[in-house]
């Protein structure tokens, strides 16, 4: 379940920039691009924290679930 939530969140962010550009609406994808281009370090740090939490969740799932150790 942790993996599915992480993948859905990633899919949400990956398609958000294209949708926001087509419909001329500002949102999370545009925020991510603008933060990187403008070197907005607090916003970039939040994005990296979310990505790190996703990686940690996947790693913990692999360690804790005995069915995945085969």
PDB file of N, CA and C in Angstrom:
ATOM      1  N   UNK A   1       0.815  -1.187   0.000  1.00  0.00           N
ATOM      2  CA  UNK A   1       0.000   0.000   0.000  1.00  0.00           C
ATOM      3  C   UNK A   1       0.867   1.263   0.000  1.00  0.00           C
ATOM      4  N   UNK A   2       1.978   1.213   0.698  1.00  0.00           N
ATOM      5  CA  UNK A   2       2.888   2.360   0.728  1.00  0.00           C
ATOM      6  C   UNK A   2       3.421   2.642  -0.672  1.00  0.00           C
ATOM      7  N   UNK A   3       3.769   1.584  -1.402  1.00  0.00           N
ATOM      8  CA  UNK A   3       4.302   1.753  -2.750  1.00  0.00           C
ATOM      9  C   UNK A   3       3.265   2.355  -3.682  1.00  0.00           C
ATOM     10  N   UNK A   4       2.037   1.895  -3.594  1.00  0.00           N
ATOM     11  CA  UNK A   4       0.978   2.409  -4.460  1.00  0.00           C
ATOM     12  C   UNK A   4       0.739   3.892  -4.200  1.00  0.00           C
ATOM     13  N   UNK A   5       0.723   4.284  -2.953  1.00  0.00           N
ATOM     14  CA  UNK A   5       0.537   5.702  -2.628  1.00  0.00           C
ATOM     15  C   UNK A   5       1.694   6.530  -3.193  1.00  0.00           C
ATOM     16  N   UNK A   6       2.922   6.038  -3.042  1.00  0.00           N
ATOM     17  CA  UNK A   6       4.078   6.759  -3.572  1.00  0.00           C
ATOM     18  C   UNK A   6       4.051   6.871  -5.082  1.00  0.00           C
ATOM     19  N   UNK A   7       3.668   5.796  -5.750  1.00  0.00           N
ATOM     20  CA  UNK A   7       3.610   5.821  -7.215  1.00  0.00           C
ATOM     21  C   UNK A   7       2.503   6.751  -7.708  1.00  0.00           C
ATOM     22  N   UNK A   8       1.375   6.744  -7.039  1.00  0.00           N
ATOM     23  CA  UNK A   8       0.281   7.634  -7.439  1.00  0.00           C
ATOM     24  C   UNK A   8       0.661   9.100  -7.235  1.00  0.00           C
ATOM     25  N   UNK A   9       1.369   9.377  -6.151  1.00  0.00           N
ATOM     26  CA  UNK A   9       1.817  10.742  -5.901  1.00  0.00           C
ATOM     27  C   UNK A   9       2.804  11.182  -6.981  1.00  0.00           C
ATOM     28  N   UNK A  10       3.719  10.286  -7.345  1.00  0.00           N
ATOM     29  CA  UNK A  10       4.674  10.593  -8.414  1.00  0.00           C
ATOM     30  C   UNK A  10       3.990  10.812  -9.750  1.00  0.00           C
ATOM     31  N   UNK A  11       2.999  10.001 -10.059  1.00  0.00           N
ATOM     32  CA  UNK A  11       2.249  10.164 -11.308  1.00  0.00           C
ATOM     33  C   UNK A  11       1.485  11.486 -11.315  1.00  0.00           C
ATOM     34  N   UNK A  12       0.953  11.853 -10.160  1.00  0.00           N
ATOM     35  CA  UNK A  12       0.241  13.113 -10.051  1.00  0.00           C
ATOM     36  C   UNK A  12       1.162  14.284 -10.364  1.00  0.00           C
ATOM     37  N   UNK A  13       2.362  14.247  -9.816  1.00  0.00           N
ATOM     38  CA  UNK A  13       3.303  15.344 -10.054  1.00  0.00           C
ATOM     39  C   UNK A  13       3.877  15.332 -11.461  1.00  0.00           C
ATOM     40  N   UNK A  14       4.089  14.150 -12.046  1.00  0.00           N
ATOM     41  CA  UNK A  14       4.724  14.088 -13.361  1.00  0.00           C
ATOM     42  C   UNK A  14       3.834  14.644 -14.466  1.00  0.00           C
ATOM     43  N   UNK A  15       2.539  14.436 -14.376  1.00  0.00           N
ATOM     44  CA  UNK A  15       1.637  14.937 -15.405  1.00  0.00           C
ATOM     45  C   UNK A  15       1.101  16.320 -15.112  1.00  0.00           C
ATOM     46  N   UNK A  16       1.361  16.823 -13.932  1.00  0.00           N
ATOM     47  CA  UNK A  16       0.781  18.101 -13.538  1.00  0.00           C
ATOM     48  C   UNK A  16       1.319  19.263 -14.357  1.00  0.00           C
ATOM     49  N   UNK A  17       2.593  19.250 -14.684  1.00  0.00           N
ATOM     50  CA  UNK A  17       3.177  20.379 -15.402  1.00  0.00           C
ATOM     51  C   UNK A  17       2.587  20.519 -16.796  1.00  0.00           C
ATOM     52  N   UNK A  18       2.393  19.411 -17.489  1.00  0.00           N
ATOM     53  CA  UNK A  18       1.822  19.453 -18.843  1.00  0.00           C
ATOM     54  C   UNK A  18       0.391  19.958 -18.791  1.00  0.00           C
ATOM     55  N   UNK A  19      -0.393  19.427 -17.876  1.00  0.00           N
ATOM     56  CA  UNK A  19      -1.786  19.849 -17.745  1.00  0.00           C
ATOM     57  C   UNK A  19      -1.881  21.328 -17.393  1.00  0.00           C
ATOM     58  N   UNK A  20      -1.033  21.785 -16.497  1.00  0.00           N
ATOM     59  CA  UNK A  20      -1.060  23.185 -16.100  1.00  0.00           C
ATOM     60  C   UNK A  20      -0.665  24.103 -17.247  1.00  0.00           C
ATOM     61  N   UNK A  21       0.260  23.670 -18.076  1.00  0.00           N
ATOM     62  CA  UNK A  21       0.674  24.479 -19.217  1.00  0.00           C
ATOM     63  C   UNK A  21      -0.435  24.561 -20.252  1.00  0.00           C
ATOM     64  N   UNK A  22      -1.077  23.435 -20.547  1.00  0.00           N
ATOM     65  CA  UNK A  22      -2.137  23.398 -21.553  1.00  0.00           C
ATOM     66  C   UNK A  22      -3.321  24.267 -21.133  1.00  0.00           C
ATOM     67  N   UNK A  23      -3.732  24.169 -19.885  1.00  0.00           N
ATOM     68  CA  UNK A  23      -4.898  24.900 -19.420  1.00  0.00           C
ATOM     69  C   UNK A  23      -4.560  26.237 -18.769  1.00  0.00           C
ATOM     70  N   UNK A  24      -3.285  26.630 -18.792  1.00  0.00           N
ATOM     71  CA  UNK A  24      -2.818  27.914 -18.254  1.00  0.00           C
ATOM     72  C   UNK A  24      -3.240  28.105 -16.798  1.00  0.00           C
ATOM     73  N   UNK A  25      -3.114  27.043 -16.019  1.00  0.00           N
ATOM     74  CA  UNK A  25      -3.436  27.079 -14.594  1.00  0.00           C
ATOM     75  C   UNK A  25      -2.161  26.817 -13.803  1.00  0.00           C
ATOM     76  N   UNK A  26      -1.939  27.596 -12.782  1.00  0.00           N
ATOM     77  CA  UNK A  26      -0.760  27.373 -11.951  1.00  0.00           C
ATOM     78  C   UNK A  26      -1.073  26.326 -10.893  1.00  0.00           C
ATOM     79  N   UNK A  27      -0.093  25.466 -10.611  1.00  0.00           N
ATOM     80  CA  UNK A  27      -0.282  24.424  -9.626  1.00  0.00           C
ATOM     81  C   UNK A  27       1.055  23.881  -9.153  1.00  0.00           C
ATOM     82  N   UNK A  28       1.070  22.637  -8.689  1.00  0.00           N
ATOM     83  CA  UNK A  28       2.267  22.054  -8.084  1.00  0.00           C
ATOM     84  C   UNK A  28       3.382  21.813  -9.106  1.00  0.00           C
ATOM     85  N   UNK A  29       3.018  21.433 -10.307  1.00  0.00           N
ATOM     86  CA  UNK A  29       4.041  21.207 -11.338  1.00  0.00           C
ATOM     87  C   UNK A  29       4.750  22.496 -11.711  1.00  0.00           C
ATOM     88  N   UNK A  30       3.988  23.550 -11.903  1.00  0.00           N
ATOM     89  CA  UNK A  30       4.581  24.849 -12.227  1.00  0.00           C
ATOM     90  C   UNK A  30       5.414  25.362 -11.059  1.00  0.00           C
ATOM     91  N   UNK A  31       4.937  25.120  -9.850  1.00  0.00           N
ATOM     92  CA  UNK A  31       5.693  25.512  -8.660  1.00  0.00           C
ATOM     93  C   UNK A  31       7.046  24.806  -8.637  1.00  0.00           C
ATOM     94  N   UNK A  32       7.063  23.520  -8.971  1.00  0.00           N
ATOM     95  CA  UNK A  32       8.319  22.771  -8.973  1.00  0.00           C
ATOM     96  C   UNK A  32       9.293  23.334 -10.004  1.00  0.00           C
ATOM     97  N   UNK A  33       8.808  23.584 -11.205  1.00  0.00           N
ATOM     98  CA  UNK A  33       9.683  24.121 -12.259  1.00  0.00           C
ATOM     99  C   UNK A  33      10.170  25.517 -11.900  1.00  0.00           C
ATOM    100  N   UNK A  34       9.272  26.374 -11.457  1.00  0.00           N
ATOM    101  CA  UNK A  34       9.664  27.742 -11.093  1.00  0.00           C
ATOM    102  C   UNK A  34      10.631  27.763  -9.915  1.00  0.00           C
ATOM    103  N   UNK A  35      10.436  26.861  -8.958  1.00  0.00           N
ATOM    104  CA  UNK A  35      11.332  26.806  -7.802  1.00  0.00           C
ATOM    105  C   UNK A  35      12.748  26.437  -8.220  1.00  0.00           C
ATOM    106  N   UNK A  36      12.855  25.497  -9.125  1.00  0.00           N
ATOM    107  CA  UNK A  36      14.179  25.089  -9.596  1.00  0.00           C
ATOM    108  C   UNK A  36      14.825  26.204 -10.409  1.00  0.00           C
ATOM    109  N   UNK A  37      14.068  26.814 -11.298  1.00  0.00           N
ATOM    110  CA  UNK A  37      14.625  27.879 -12.141  1.00  0.00           C
ATOM    111  C   UNK A  37      15.005  29.117 -11.333  1.00  0.00           C
ATOM    112  N   UNK A  38      14.235  29.434 -10.291  1.00  0.00           N
ATOM    113  CA  UNK A  38      14.495  30.624  -9.479  1.00  0.00           C
ATOM    114  C   UNK A  38      15.345  30.339  -8.245  1.00  0.00           C
ATOM    115  N   UNK A  39      15.798  29.105  -8.126  1.00  0.00           N
ATOM    116  CA  UNK A  39      16.627  28.690  -6.993  1.00  0.00           C
ATOM    117  C   UNK A  39      15.960  29.001  -5.652  1.00  0.00           C
ATOM    118  N   UNK A  40      14.710  28.605  -5.545  1.00  0.00           N
ATOM    119  CA  UNK A  40      13.942  28.768  -4.316  1.00  0.00           C
ATOM    120  C   UNK A  40      14.234  27.552  -3.434  1.00  0.00           C
ATOM    121  N   UNK A  41      15.249  27.680  -2.601  1.00  0.00           N
ATOM    122  CA  UNK A  41      15.766  26.550  -1.844  1.00  0.00           C
ATOM    123  C   UNK A  41      14.774  25.928  -0.853  1.00  0.00           C
ATOM    124  N   UNK A  42      13.937  26.699  -0.157  1.00  0.00           N
ATOM    125  CA  UNK A  42      12.972  26.045   0.734  1.00  0.00           C
ATOM    126  C   UNK A  42      11.986  25.136  -0.012  1.00  0.00           C
ATOM    127  N   UNK A  43      11.499  25.569  -1.148  1.00  0.00           N
ATOM    128  CA  UNK A  43      10.575  24.738  -1.927  1.00  0.00           C
ATOM    129  C   UNK A  43      11.276  23.505  -2.475  1.00  0.00           C
ATOM    130  N   UNK A  44      12.504  23.669  -2.917  1.00  0.00           N
ATOM    131  CA  UNK A  44      13.274  22.525  -3.416  1.00  0.00           C
ATOM    132  C   UNK A  44      13.523  21.538  -2.284  1.00  0.00           C
ATOM    133  N   UNK A  45      13.792  22.054  -1.084  1.00  0.00           N
ATOM    134  CA  UNK A  45      14.024  21.175   0.069  1.00  0.00           C
ATOM    135  C   UNK A  45      12.774  20.370   0.403  1.00  0.00           C
ATOM    136  N   UNK A  46      11.603  20.990   0.289  1.00  0.00           N
ATOM    137  CA  UNK A  46      10.354  20.261   0.543  1.00  0.00           C
ATOM    138  C   UNK A  46      10.166  19.158  -0.488  1.00  0.00           C
ATOM    139  N   UNK A  47      10.444  19.455  -1.741  1.00  0.00           N
ATOM    140  CA  UNK A  47      10.314  18.440  -2.794  1.00  0.00           C
ATOM    141  C   UNK A  47      11.278  17.279  -2.555  1.00  0.00           C
ATOM    142  N   UNK A  48      12.503  17.589  -2.171  1.00  0.00           N
ATOM    143  CA  UNK A  48      13.477  16.534  -1.901  1.00  0.00           C
ATOM    144  C   UNK A  48      13.085  15.711  -0.680  1.00  0.00           C
ATOM    145  N   UNK A  49      12.446  16.352   0.288  1.00  0.00           N
ATOM    146  CA  UNK A  49      11.969  15.628   1.459  1.00  0.00           C
ATOM    147  C   UNK A  49      10.885  14.635   1.077  1.00  0.00           C
ATOM    148  N   UNK A  50       9.974  15.042   0.220  1.00  0.00           N
ATOM    149  CA  UNK A  50       8.913  14.141  -0.236  1.00  0.00           C
ATOM    150  C   UNK A  50       9.509  12.972  -1.008  1.00  0.00           C
ATOM    151  N   UNK A  51      10.464  13.254  -1.880  1.00  0.00           N
ATOM    152  CA  UNK A  51      11.108  12.170  -2.642  1.00  0.00           C
ATOM    153  C   UNK A  51      11.876  11.227  -1.724  1.00  0.00           C
ATOM    154  N   UNK A  52      12.550  11.784  -0.732  1.00  0.00           N
ATOM    155  CA  UNK A  52      13.293  10.941   0.215  1.00  0.00           C
ATOM    156  C   UNK A  52      12.356  10.076   1.048  1.00  0.00           C
ATOM    157  N   UNK A  53      11.216  10.635   1.445  1.00  0.00           N
ATOM    158  CA  UNK A  53      10.238   9.853   2.205  1.00  0.00           C
ATOM    159  C   UNK A  53       9.691   8.710   1.368  1.00  0.00           C
ATOM    160  N   UNK A  54       9.485   8.949   0.088  1.00  0.00           N
ATOM    161  CA  UNK A  54       9.013   7.896  -0.812  1.00  0.00           C
ATOM    162  C   UNK A  54      10.056   6.789  -0.936  1.00  0.00           C
ATOM    163  N   UNK A  55      11.308   7.164  -1.090  1.00  0.00           N
ATOM    164  CA  UNK A  55      12.386   6.181  -1.187  1.00  0.00           C
ATOM    165  C   UNK A  55      12.522   5.401   0.114  1.00  0.00           C
ATOM    166  N   UNK A  56      12.414   6.083   1.237  1.00  0.00           N
ATOM    167  CA  UNK A  56      12.493   5.421   2.530  1.00  0.00           C
ATOM    168  C   UNK A  56      11.337   4.441   2.715  1.00  0.00           C
ATOM    169  N   UNK A  57      10.147   4.838   2.320  1.00  0.00           N
ATOM    170  CA  UNK A  57       8.987   3.952   2.418  1.00  0.00           C
ATOM    171  C   UNK A  57       9.160   2.690   1.595  1.00  0.00           C
ATOM    172  N   UNK A  58       9.665   2.835   0.377  1.00  0.00           N
ATOM    173  CA  UNK A  58       9.909   1.660  -0.465  1.00  0.00           C
ATOM    174  C   UNK A  58      10.988   0.763   0.133  1.00  0.00           C
ATOM    175  N   UNK A  59      12.024   1.369   0.668  1.00  0.00           N
ATOM    176  CA  UNK A  59      13.100   0.585   1.272  1.00  0.00           C
ATOM    177  C   UNK A  59      12.616  -0.165   2.506  1.00  0.00           C
ATOM    178  N   UNK A  60      11.830   0.496   3.342  1.00  0.00           N
ATOM    179  CA  UNK A  60      11.290  -0.164   4.532  1.00  0.00           C
ATOM    180  C   UNK A  60      10.353  -1.311   4.160  1.00  0.00           C
ATOM    181  N   UNK A  61       9.578  -1.115   3.125  1.00  0.00           N
ATOM    182  CA  UNK A  61       8.688  -2.181   2.672  1.00  0.00           C
ATOM    183  C   UNK A  61       9.491  -3.402   2.260  1.00  0.00           C
ATOM    184  N   UNK A  62      10.571  -3.182   1.551  1.00  0.00           N
ATOM    185  CA  UNK A  62      11.423  -4.299   1.117  1.00  0.00           C
ATOM    186  C   UNK A  62      12.062  -5.012   2.309  1.00  0.00           C
ATOM    187  N   UNK A  63      12.418  -4.272   3.329  1.00  0.00           N
ATOM    188  CA  UNK A  63      13.060  -4.863   4.508  1.00  0.00           C
ATOM    189  C   UNK A  63      12.053  -5.592   5.383  1.00  0.00           C
ATOM    190  N   UNK A  64      10.873  -5.003   5.582  1.00  0.00           N
ATOM    191  CA  UNK A  64       9.910  -5.536   6.534  1.00  0.00           C
ATOM    192  C   UNK A  64       9.013  -6.648   5.992  1.00  0.00           C
ATOM    193  N   UNK A  65       8.819  -6.704   4.686  1.00  0.00           N
ATOM    194  CA  UNK A  65       7.920  -7.704   4.120  1.00  0.00           C
ATOM    195  C   UNK A  65       8.711  -8.965   3.779  1.00  0.00           C
ATOM    196  N   UNK A  66       8.512 -10.057   4.510  1.00  0.00           N
ATOM    197  CA  UNK A  66       9.295 -11.276   4.260  1.00  0.00           C
ATOM    198  C   UNK A  66       9.003 -11.915   2.911  1.00  0.00           C
ATOM    199  N   UNK A  67       7.871 -11.617   2.312  1.00  0.00           N
ATOM    200  CA  UNK A  67       7.551 -12.204   1.014  1.00  0.00           C
ATOM    201  C   UNK A  67       8.441 -11.657  -0.096  1.00  0.00           C
ATOM    202  N   UNK A  68       9.044 -10.498   0.126  1.00  0.00           N
ATOM    203  CA  UNK A  68       9.868  -9.874  -0.900  1.00  0.00           C
ATOM    204  C   UNK A  68      11.341 -10.280  -0.825  1.00  0.00           C
ATOM    205  N   UNK A  69      11.691 -11.132   0.124  1.00  0.00           N
ATOM    206  CA  UNK A  69      13.092 -11.520   0.315  1.00  0.00           C
ATOM    207  C   UNK A  69      13.488 -12.735  -0.524  1.00  0.00           C
ATOM    208  N   UNK A  70      12.626 -13.215  -1.358  1.00  0.00           N
ATOM    209  CA  UNK A  70      12.922 -14.431  -2.126  1.00  0.00           C
ATOM    210  C   UNK A  70      13.922 -14.198  -3.209  1.00  0.00           C
TER     211      UNK A  70
END
